[in-house]
PDB file of N, CA and C in Angstrom:
ATOM      1  N   MET A   1     111.828  89.598 126.594  1.00  0.00           N
ATOM      2  CA  MET A   1     110.768  90.387 127.174  1.00  0.00           C
ATOM      3  C   MET A   1     109.544  90.334 126.257  1.00  0.00           C
ATOM      4  N   PHE A   2     108.380  90.193 126.824  1.00  0.00           N
ATOM      5  CA  PHE A   2     107.125  90.087 126.085  1.00  0.00           C
ATOM      6  C   PHE A   2     106.562  91.474 125.828  1.00  0.00           C
ATOM      7  N   ASN A   3     106.204  91.742 124.597  1.00  0.00           N
ATOM      8  CA  ASN A   3     105.628  93.028 124.231  1.00  0.00           C
ATOM      9  C   ASN A   3     104.148  92.835 123.908  1.00  0.00           C
ATOM     10  N   PRO A   4     103.249  93.383 124.742  1.00  0.00           N
ATOM     11  CA  PRO A   4     101.810  93.203 124.483  1.00  0.00           C
ATOM     12  C   PRO A   4     101.345  93.876 123.199  1.00  0.00           C
ATOM     13  N   PHE A   5     102.070  94.893 122.728  1.00  0.00           N
ATOM     14  CA  PHE A   5     101.681  95.555 121.486  1.00  0.00           C
ATOM     15  C   PHE A   5     101.841  94.630 120.286  1.00  0.00           C
ATOM     16  N   ALA A   6     102.808  93.720 120.361  1.00  0.00           N
ATOM     17  CA  ALA A   6     103.047  92.810 119.243  1.00  0.00           C
ATOM     18  C   ALA A   6     101.821  91.941 118.983  1.00  0.00           C
ATOM     19  N   ILE A   7     101.180  91.461 120.028  1.00  0.00           N
ATOM     20  CA  ILE A   7      99.978  90.632 119.864  1.00  0.00           C
ATOM     21  C   ILE A   7      98.853  91.460 119.261  1.00  0.00           C
ATOM     22  N   SER A   8      98.700  92.679 119.730  1.00  0.00           N
ATOM     23  CA  SER A   8      97.652  93.555 119.205  1.00  0.00           C
ATOM     24  C   SER A   8      97.897  93.866 117.732  1.00  0.00           C
ATOM     25  N   TRP A   9      99.137  94.155 117.386  1.00  0.00           N
ATOM     26  CA  TRP A   9      99.461  94.464 115.991  1.00  0.00           C
ATOM     27  C   TRP A   9      99.301  93.239 115.113  1.00  0.00           C
ATOM     28  N   PHE A  10      99.644  92.071 115.665  1.00  0.00           N
ATOM     29  CA  PHE A  10      99.459  90.816 114.929  1.00  0.00           C
ATOM     30  C   PHE A  10      97.980  90.626 114.600  1.00  0.00           C
ATOM     31  N   TRP A  11      97.130  90.803 115.606  1.00  0.00           N
ATOM     32  CA  TRP A  11      95.699  90.585 115.411  1.00  0.00           C
ATOM     33  C   TRP A  11      95.098  91.613 114.450  1.00  0.00           C
ATOM     34  N   ARG A  12      95.491  92.873 114.577  1.00  0.00           N
ATOM     35  CA  ARG A  12      94.967  93.902 113.678  1.00  0.00           C
ATOM     36  C   ARG A  12      95.433  93.664 112.242  1.00  0.00           C
ATOM     37  N   GLY A  13      96.642  93.185 112.101  1.00  0.00           N
ATOM     38  CA  GLY A  13      97.148  92.901 110.759  1.00  0.00           C
ATOM     39  C   GLY A  13      96.484  91.697 110.148  1.00  0.00           C
ATOM     40  N   LEU A  14      96.230  90.675 110.968  1.00  0.00           N
ATOM     41  CA  LEU A  14      95.651  89.432 110.457  1.00  0.00           C
ATOM     42  C   LEU A  14      94.147  89.554 110.235  1.00  0.00           C
ATOM     43  N   LYS A  15      93.427  89.985 111.257  1.00  0.00           N
ATOM     44  CA  LYS A  15      91.967  90.032 111.152  1.00  0.00           C
ATOM     45  C   LYS A  15      91.478  91.268 110.379  1.00  0.00           C
ATOM     46  N   GLY A  16      92.101  92.401 110.672  1.00  0.00           N
ATOM     47  CA  GLY A  16      91.657  93.641 110.035  1.00  0.00           C
ATOM     48  C   GLY A  16      92.297  93.892 108.695  1.00  0.00           C
ATOM     49  N   HIS A  17      93.210  93.017 108.299  1.00  0.00           N
ATOM     50  CA  HIS A  17      93.917  93.142 107.024  1.00  0.00           C
ATOM     51  C   HIS A  17      94.627  94.495 106.925  1.00  0.00           C
ATOM     52  N   SER A  18      95.180  94.947 108.043  1.00  0.00           N
ATOM     53  CA  SER A  18      95.867  96.228 108.079  1.00  0.00           C
ATOM     54  C   SER A  18      97.347  96.036 107.771  1.00  0.00           C
ATOM     55  N   VAL A  19      97.774  96.589 106.671  1.00  0.00           N
ATOM     56  CA  VAL A  19      99.174  96.504 106.276  1.00  0.00           C
ATOM     57  C   VAL A  19     100.036  97.295 107.259  1.00  0.00           C
ATOM     58  N   THR A  20      99.525  98.404 107.756  1.00  0.00           N
ATOM     59  CA  THR A  20     100.265  99.226 108.711  1.00  0.00           C
ATOM     60  C   THR A  20     100.621  98.425 109.952  1.00  0.00           C
ATOM     61  N   PHE A  21      99.648  97.772 110.543  1.00  0.00           N
ATOM     62  CA  PHE A  21      99.915  97.018 111.762  1.00  0.00           C
ATOM     63  C   PHE A  21     100.693  95.730 111.466  1.00  0.00           C
ATOM     64  N   ALA A  22     100.549  95.192 110.276  1.00  0.00           N
ATOM     65  CA  ALA A  22     101.362  94.038 109.896  1.00  0.00           C
ATOM     66  C   ALA A  22     102.833  94.434 109.787  1.00  0.00           C
ATOM     67  N   VAL A  23     103.111  95.617 109.260  1.00  0.00           N
ATOM     68  CA  VAL A  23     104.488  96.115 109.184  1.00  0.00           C
ATOM     69  C   VAL A  23     105.050  96.343 110.587  1.00  0.00           C
ATOM     70  N   LEU A  24     104.244  96.911 111.478  1.00  0.00           N
ATOM     71  CA  LEU A  24     104.689  97.118 112.853  1.00  0.00           C
ATOM     72  C   LEU A  24     104.992  95.796 113.539  1.00  0.00           C
ATOM     73  N   PHE A  25     104.138  94.802 113.347  1.00  0.00           N
ATOM     74  CA  PHE A  25     104.361  93.487 113.939  1.00  0.00           C
ATOM     75  C   PHE A  25     105.634  92.861 113.372  1.00  0.00           C
ATOM     76  N   ALA A  26     105.788  92.898 112.067  1.00  0.00           N
ATOM     77  CA  ALA A  26     106.952  92.289 111.432  1.00  0.00           C
ATOM     78  C   ALA A  26     108.241  92.961 111.895  1.00  0.00           C
ATOM     79  N   SER A  27     108.229  94.277 111.988  1.00  0.00           N
ATOM     80  CA  SER A  27     109.442  94.972 112.411  1.00  0.00           C
ATOM     81  C   SER A  27     109.801  94.637 113.854  1.00  0.00           C
ATOM     82  N   LEU A  28     108.807  94.544 114.718  1.00  0.00           N
ATOM     83  CA  LEU A  28     109.065  94.176 116.105  1.00  0.00           C
ATOM     84  C   LEU A  28     109.550  92.737 116.217  1.00  0.00           C
ATOM     85  N   LEU A  29     108.955  91.851 115.467  1.00  0.00           N
ATOM     86  CA  LEU A  29     109.335  90.444 115.517  1.00  0.00           C
ATOM     87  C   LEU A  29     110.772  90.240 115.044  1.00  0.00           C
ATOM     88  N   LEU A  30     111.180  91.039 114.064  1.00  0.00           N
ATOM     89  CA  LEU A  30     112.530  90.905 113.529  1.00  0.00           C
ATOM     90  C   LEU A  30     113.549  91.769 114.266  1.00  0.00           C
ATOM     91  N   GLY A  31     113.110  92.458 115.317  1.00  0.00           N
ATOM     92  CA  GLY A  31     114.042  93.185 116.172  1.00  0.00           C
ATOM     93  C   GLY A  31     114.325  94.616 115.770  1.00  0.00           C
ATOM     94  N   TRP A  32     113.508  95.180 114.931  1.00  0.00           N
ATOM     95  CA  TRP A  32     113.691  96.562 114.523  1.00  0.00           C
ATOM     96  C   TRP A  32     112.364  97.285 114.695  1.00  0.00           C
ATOM     97  N   SER A  33     112.296  98.165 115.654  1.00  0.00           N
ATOM     98  CA  SER A  33     111.052  98.842 115.971  1.00  0.00           C
ATOM     99  C   SER A  33     110.914 100.141 115.175  1.00  0.00           C
ATOM    100  N   VAL A  34     109.931 100.196 114.320  1.00  0.00           N
ATOM    101  CA  VAL A  34     109.667 101.395 113.516  1.00  0.00           C
ATOM    102  C   VAL A  34     109.286 102.557 114.431  1.00  0.00           C
ATOM    103  N   SER A  35     108.467 102.286 115.435  1.00  0.00           N
ATOM    104  CA  SER A  35     108.034 103.354 116.340  1.00  0.00           C
ATOM    105  C   SER A  35     109.211 103.893 117.155  1.00  0.00           C
ATOM    106  N   SER A  36     110.132 103.043 117.542  1.00  0.00           N
ATOM    107  CA  SER A  36     111.316 103.487 118.274  1.00  0.00           C
ATOM    108  C   SER A  36     112.203 104.373 117.394  1.00  0.00           C
ATOM    109  N   GLU A  37     112.378 103.974 116.158  1.00  0.00           N
ATOM    110  CA  GLU A  37     113.178 104.780 115.235  1.00  0.00           C
ATOM    111  C   GLU A  37     112.531 106.146 114.986  1.00  0.00           C
ATOM    112  N   LEU A  38     111.216 106.169 114.861  1.00  0.00           N
ATOM    113  CA  LEU A  38     110.502 107.436 114.680  1.00  0.00           C
ATOM    114  C   LEU A  38     110.657 108.309 115.918  1.00  0.00           C
ATOM    115  N   SER A  39     110.587 107.703 117.092  1.00  0.00           N
ATOM    116  CA  SER A  39     110.771 108.453 118.333  1.00  0.00           C
ATOM    117  C   SER A  39     112.178 109.041 118.426  1.00  0.00           C
ATOM    118  N   HIS A  40     113.187 108.243 118.046  1.00  0.00           N
ATOM    119  CA  HIS A  40     114.569 108.750 118.051  1.00  0.00           C
ATOM    120  C   HIS A  40     114.725 109.912 117.070  1.00  0.00           C
ATOM    121  N   LEU A  41     114.110 109.809 115.916  1.00  0.00           N
ATOM    122  CA  LEU A  41     114.178 110.878 114.928  1.00  0.00           C
ATOM    123  C   LEU A  41     113.546 112.158 115.468  1.00  0.00           C
ATOM    124  N   LEU A  42     112.372 112.042 116.080  1.00  0.00           N
ATOM    125  CA  LEU A  42     111.697 113.215 116.632  1.00  0.00           C
ATOM    126  C   LEU A  42     112.507 113.835 117.767  1.00  0.00           C
ATOM    127  N   THR A  43     113.145 112.996 118.583  1.00  0.00           N
ATOM    128  CA  THR A  43     113.977 113.500 119.673  1.00  0.00           C
ATOM    129  C   THR A  43     115.170 114.276 119.118  1.00  0.00           C
ATOM    130  N   ARG A  44     115.808 113.732 118.080  1.00  0.00           N
ATOM    131  CA  ARG A  44     116.950 114.425 117.462  1.00  0.00           C
ATOM    132  C   ARG A  44     116.538 115.745 116.824  1.00  0.00           C
ATOM    133  N   LEU A  45     115.292 115.816 116.383  1.00  0.00           N
ATOM    134  CA  LEU A  45     114.800 117.062 115.796  1.00  0.00           C
ATOM    135  C   LEU A  45     114.403 118.091 116.851  1.00  0.00           C
ATOM    136  N   GLY A  46     114.439 117.695 118.126  1.00  0.00           N
ATOM    137  CA  GLY A  46     114.149 118.622 119.210  1.00  0.00           C
ATOM    138  C   GLY A  46     112.686 118.712 119.591  1.00  0.00           C
ATOM    139  N   VAL A  47     111.901 117.725 119.230  1.00  0.00           N
ATOM    140  CA  VAL A  47     110.480 117.721 119.575  1.00  0.00           C
ATOM    141  C   VAL A  47     110.342 117.397 121.063  1.00  0.00           C
ATOM    142  N   HIS A  48     109.422 118.057 121.733  1.00  0.00           N
ATOM    143  CA  HIS A  48     109.178 117.845 123.162  1.00  0.00           C
ATOM    144  C   HIS A  48     108.861 116.375 123.431  1.00  0.00           C
ATOM    145  N   TRP A  49     109.285 115.850 124.595  1.00  0.00           N
ATOM    146  CA  TRP A  49     109.158 114.420 124.894  1.00  0.00           C
ATOM    147  C   TRP A  49     107.713 113.944 124.867  1.00  0.00           C
ATOM    148  N   LEU A  50     106.773 114.786 125.248  1.00  0.00           N
ATOM    149  CA  LEU A  50     105.374 114.380 125.241  1.00  0.00           C
ATOM    150  C   LEU A  50     104.886 114.122 123.820  1.00  0.00           C
ATOM    151  N   TYR A  51     105.279 114.978 122.898  1.00  0.00           N
ATOM    152  CA  TYR A  51     104.902 114.779 121.499  1.00  0.00           C
ATOM    153  C   TYR A  51     105.618 113.592 120.880  1.00  0.00           C
ATOM    154  N   VAL A  52     106.836 113.323 121.373  1.00  0.00           N
ATOM    155  CA  VAL A  52     107.586 112.154 120.890  1.00  0.00           C
ATOM    156  C   VAL A  52     106.827 110.875 121.231  1.00  0.00           C
ATOM    157  N   MET A  53     106.106 110.889 122.341  1.00  0.00           N
ATOM    158  CA  MET A  53     105.326 109.713 122.734  1.00  0.00           C
ATOM    159  C   MET A  53     103.988 109.644 121.992  1.00  0.00           C
ATOM    160  N   ILE A  54     103.411 110.775 121.662  1.00  0.00           N
ATOM    161  CA  ILE A  54     102.071 110.821 121.073  1.00  0.00           C
ATOM    162  C   ILE A  54     102.092 110.701 119.549  1.00  0.00           C
ATOM    163  N   ILE A  55     103.017 111.379 118.897  1.00  0.00           N
ATOM    164  CA  ILE A  55     103.030 111.464 117.428  1.00  0.00           C
ATOM    165  C   ILE A  55     103.093 110.098 116.741  1.00  0.00           C
ATOM    166  N   PRO A  56     103.985 109.164 117.159  1.00  0.00           N
ATOM    167  CA  PRO A  56     104.004 107.866 116.455  1.00  0.00           C
ATOM    168  C   PRO A  56     102.674 107.124 116.525  1.00  0.00           C
ATOM    169  N   GLY A  57     102.024 107.130 117.671  1.00  0.00           N
ATOM    170  CA  GLY A  57     100.728 106.455 117.798  1.00  0.00           C
ATOM    171  C   GLY A  57      99.673 107.067 116.904  1.00  0.00           C
ATOM    172  N   VAL A  58      99.616 108.384 116.899  1.00  0.00           N
ATOM    173  CA  VAL A  58      98.649 109.083 116.053  1.00  0.00           C
ATOM    174  C   VAL A  58      98.941 108.803 114.581  1.00  0.00           C
ATOM    175  N   LEU A  59     100.224 108.821 114.213  1.00  0.00           N
ATOM    176  CA  LEU A  59     100.604 108.567 112.821  1.00  0.00           C
ATOM    177  C   LEU A  59     100.203 107.162 112.382  1.00  0.00           C
ATOM    178  N   PHE A  60     100.462 106.161 113.226  1.00  0.00           N
ATOM    179  CA  PHE A  60     100.136 104.790 112.849  1.00  0.00           C
ATOM    180  C   PHE A  60      98.630 104.564 112.760  1.00  0.00           C
ATOM    181  N   VAL A  61      97.882 105.158 113.662  1.00  0.00           N
ATOM    182  CA  VAL A  61      96.420 105.031 113.598  1.00  0.00           C
ATOM    183  C   VAL A  61      95.899 105.717 112.342  1.00  0.00           C
ATOM    184  N   TRP A  62      96.436 106.895 112.021  1.00  0.00           N
ATOM    185  CA  TRP A  62      96.014 107.607 110.810  1.00  0.00           C
ATOM    186  C   TRP A  62      96.332 106.784 109.566  1.00  0.00           C
ATOM    187  N   LEU A  63      97.543 106.223 109.512  1.00  0.00           N
ATOM    188  CA  LEU A  63      97.909 105.388 108.365  1.00  0.00           C
ATOM    189  C   LEU A  63      96.996 104.176 108.230  1.00  0.00           C
ATOM    190  N   ALA A  64      96.671 103.546 109.354  1.00  0.00           N
ATOM    191  CA  ALA A  64      95.805 102.369 109.317  1.00  0.00           C
ATOM    192  C   ALA A  64      94.402 102.731 108.823  1.00  0.00           C
ATOM    193  N   LYS A  65      93.894 103.883 109.240  1.00  0.00           N
ATOM    194  CA  LYS A  65      92.556 104.286 108.822  1.00  0.00           C
ATOM    195  C   LYS A  65      92.496 104.705 107.358  1.00  0.00           C
ATOM    196  N   HIS A  66      93.608 105.195 106.834  1.00  0.00           N
ATOM    197  CA  HIS A  66      93.613 105.710 105.472  1.00  0.00           C
ATOM    198  C   HIS A  66      94.373 104.840 104.485  1.00  0.00           C
ATOM    199  N   GLU A  67      94.737 103.626 104.888  1.00  0.00           N
ATOM    200  CA  GLU A  67      95.505 102.806 103.960  1.00  0.00           C
ATOM    201  C   GLU A  67      94.671 102.321 102.781  1.00  0.00           C
ATOM    202  N   ASP A  68      93.351 102.405 102.878  1.00  0.00           N
ATOM    203  CA  ASP A  68      92.518 102.057 101.719  1.00  0.00           C
ATOM    204  C   ASP A  68      92.687 103.073 100.590  1.00  0.00           C
ATOM    205  N   ARG A  69      93.219 104.246 100.895  1.00  0.00           N
ATOM    206  CA  ARG A  69      93.533 105.225  99.849  1.00  0.00           C
ATOM    207  C   ARG A  69      94.835 104.877  99.140  1.00  0.00           C
ATOM    208  N   PHE A  70      95.749 104.253  99.867  1.00  0.00           N
ATOM    209  CA  PHE A  70      97.051 103.897  99.291  1.00  0.00           C
ATOM    210  C   PHE A  70      96.995 102.565  98.556  1.00  0.00           C
ATOM    211  N   ILE A  71      96.297 101.600  99.139  1.00  0.00           N
ATOM    212  CA  ILE A  71      96.110 100.285  98.515  1.00  0.00           C
ATOM    213  C   ILE A  71      94.602 100.086  98.414  1.00  0.00           C
ATOM    214  N   ARG A  72      94.057 100.386  97.273  1.00  0.00           N
ATOM    215  CA  ARG A  72      92.594 100.419  97.111  1.00  0.00           C
ATOM    216  C   ARG A  72      91.936  99.046  97.133  1.00  0.00           C
ATOM    217  N   ASP A  73      92.580  98.061  96.591  1.00  0.00           N
ATOM    218  CA  ASP A  73      91.996  96.728  96.495  1.00  0.00           C
ATOM    219  C   ASP A  73      92.119  95.998  97.836  1.00  0.00           C
ATOM    220  N   GLU A  74      90.981  95.627  98.412  1.00  0.00           N
ATOM    221  CA  GLU A  74      90.977  94.970  99.715  1.00  0.00           C
ATOM    222  C   GLU A  74      91.672  93.611  99.678  1.00  0.00           C
ATOM    223  N   SER A  75      91.528  92.885  98.581  1.00  0.00           N
ATOM    224  CA  SER A  75      92.185  91.577  98.503  1.00  0.00           C
ATOM    225  C   SER A  75      93.710  91.728  98.490  1.00  0.00           C
ATOM    226  N   ARG A  76      94.211  92.795  97.891  1.00  0.00           N
ATOM    227  CA  ARG A  76      95.659  93.045  97.910  1.00  0.00           C
ATOM    228  C   ARG A  76      96.129  93.422  99.311  1.00  0.00           C
ATOM    229  N   ARG A  77      95.348  94.262 100.008  1.00  0.00           N
ATOM    230  CA  ARG A  77      95.695  94.607 101.396  1.00  0.00           C
ATOM    231  C   ARG A  77      95.733  93.366 102.259  1.00  0.00           C
ATOM    232  N   LYS A  78      94.762  92.500 102.069  1.00  0.00           N
ATOM    233  CA  LYS A  78      94.702  91.247 102.821  1.00  0.00           C
ATOM    234  C   LYS A  78      95.923  90.387 102.509  1.00  0.00           C
ATOM    235  N   LEU A  79      96.270  90.277 101.244  1.00  0.00           N
ATOM    236  CA  LEU A  79      97.426  89.486 100.831  1.00  0.00           C
ATOM    237  C   LEU A  79      98.720  90.072 101.385  1.00  0.00           C
ATOM    238  N   TYR A  80      98.897  91.380 101.293  1.00  0.00           N
ATOM    239  CA  TYR A  80     100.109  92.023 101.799  1.00  0.00           C
ATOM    240  C   TYR A  80     100.226  91.862 103.317  1.00  0.00           C
ATOM    241  N   ALA A  81      99.126  92.097 104.038  1.00  0.00           N
ATOM    242  CA  ALA A  81      99.157  92.001 105.500  1.00  0.00           C
ATOM    243  C   ALA A  81      99.493  90.579 105.945  1.00  0.00           C
ATOM    244  N   ARG A  82      98.804  89.612 105.391  1.00  0.00           N
ATOM    245  CA  ARG A  82      99.072  88.220 105.775  1.00  0.00           C
ATOM    246  C   ARG A  82     100.455  87.771 105.314  1.00  0.00           C
ATOM    247  N   GLY A  83     100.877  88.237 104.138  1.00  0.00           N
ATOM    248  CA  GLY A  83     102.211  87.901 103.656  1.00  0.00           C
ATOM    249  C   GLY A  83     103.301  88.450 104.570  1.00  0.00           C
ATOM    250  N   LEU A  84     103.123  89.692 105.023  1.00  0.00           N
ATOM    251  CA  LEU A  84     104.086  90.283 105.946  1.00  0.00           C
ATOM    252  C   LEU A  84     104.141  89.524 107.269  1.00  0.00           C
ATOM    253  N   ILE A  85     102.983  89.153 107.781  1.00  0.00           N
ATOM    254  CA  ILE A  85     102.935  88.441 109.057  1.00  0.00           C
ATOM    255  C   ILE A  85     103.574  87.061 108.937  1.00  0.00           C
ATOM    256  N   VAL A  86     103.133  86.294 107.962  1.00  0.00           N
ATOM    257  CA  VAL A  86     103.672  84.937 107.784  1.00  0.00           C
ATOM    258  C   VAL A  86     105.151  84.993 107.409  1.00  0.00           C
ATOM    259  N   GLY A  87     105.518  85.908 106.526  1.00  0.00           N
ATOM    260  CA  GLY A  87     106.906  86.038 106.119  1.00  0.00           C
ATOM    261  C   GLY A  87     107.820  86.402 107.278  1.00  0.00           C
ATOM    262  N   SER A  88     107.386  87.320 108.118  1.00  0.00           N
ATOM    263  CA  SER A  88     108.219  87.715 109.257  1.00  0.00           C
ATOM    264  C   SER A  88     108.356  86.585 110.268  1.00  0.00           C
ATOM    265  N   ILE A  89     107.293  85.808 110.453  1.00  0.00           N
ATOM    266  CA  ILE A  89     107.384  84.652 111.358  1.00  0.00           C
ATOM    267  C   ILE A  89     108.362  83.629 110.799  1.00  0.00           C
ATOM    268  N   LEU A  90     108.288  83.368 109.506  1.00  0.00           N
ATOM    269  CA  LEU A  90     109.211  82.412 108.893  1.00  0.00           C
ATOM    270  C   LEU A  90     110.661  82.894 108.956  1.00  0.00           C
ATOM    271  N   VAL A  91     110.876  84.168 108.702  1.00  0.00           N
ATOM    272  CA  VAL A  91     112.230  84.718 108.783  1.00  0.00           C
ATOM    273  C   VAL A  91     112.757  84.654 110.219  1.00  0.00           C
ATOM    274  N   ALA A  92     111.912  84.951 111.194  1.00  0.00           N
ATOM    275  CA  ALA A  92     112.327  84.868 112.596  1.00  0.00           C
ATOM    276  C   ALA A  92     112.695  83.427 112.979  1.00  0.00           C
ATOM    277  N   ILE A  93     111.927  82.461 112.495  1.00  0.00           N
ATOM    278  CA  ILE A  93     112.245  81.050 112.765  1.00  0.00           C
ATOM    279  C   ILE A  93     113.550  80.676 112.089  1.00  0.00           C
ATOM    280  N   LEU A  94     113.738  81.118 110.864  1.00  0.00           N
ATOM    281  CA  LEU A  94     114.975  80.837 110.133  1.00  0.00           C
ATOM    282  C   LEU A  94     116.184  81.439 110.843  1.00  0.00           C
ATOM    283  N   ILE A  95     116.069  82.658 111.304  1.00  0.00           N
ATOM    284  CA  ILE A  95     117.165  83.306 112.035  1.00  0.00           C
ATOM    285  C   ILE A  95     117.487  82.546 113.318  1.00  0.00           C
ATOM    286  N   ALA A  96     116.437  82.110 114.027  1.00  0.00           N
ATOM    287  CA  ALA A  96     116.655  81.357 115.263  1.00  0.00           C
ATOM    288  C   ALA A  96     117.356  80.024 114.973  1.00  0.00           C
ATOM    289  N   LYS A  97     116.975  79.346 113.890  1.00  0.00           N
ATOM    290  CA  LYS A  97     117.615  78.080 113.528  1.00  0.00           C
ATOM    291  C   LYS A  97     119.064  78.287 113.135  1.00  0.00           C
ATOM    292  N   LEU A  98     119.358  79.364 112.396  1.00  0.00           N
ATOM    293  CA  LEU A  98     120.724  79.640 111.969  1.00  0.00           C
ATOM    294  C   LEU A  98     121.641  80.008 113.121  1.00  0.00           C
ATOM    295  N   ARG A  99     121.098  80.659 114.112  1.00  0.00           N
ATOM    296  CA  ARG A  99     121.889  81.040 115.289  1.00  0.00           C
ATOM    297  C   ARG A  99     122.152  79.867 116.210  1.00  0.00           C
ATOM    298  N   ALA A 100     121.319  78.854 116.172  1.00  0.00           N
ATOM    299  CA  ALA A 100     121.468  77.705 117.080  1.00  0.00           C
ATOM    300  C   ALA A 100     122.517  76.724 116.619  1.00  0.00           C
TER     301      ALA A 100
END
């Protein structure tokens, strides 16, 4: 199944040098959705279903906007984001080759 969010996260991670969206892309590509896990956690905590849908999006956007506070050097953010994207693509190709 094709996920349109993966393309958006790929582009934001690559062009915008966003480590947050690069992590989201890598996790989706490797078959582990961070947003899904966060939603399951919120559901288990008894959070209303509407907030379960809204909170992960708000959290990821907030993290993306404020990641310059966590990783101050732009060249490092660029390196981490591109490294995560390229690394996850290579790992996904390796997994596909090993399974075949």
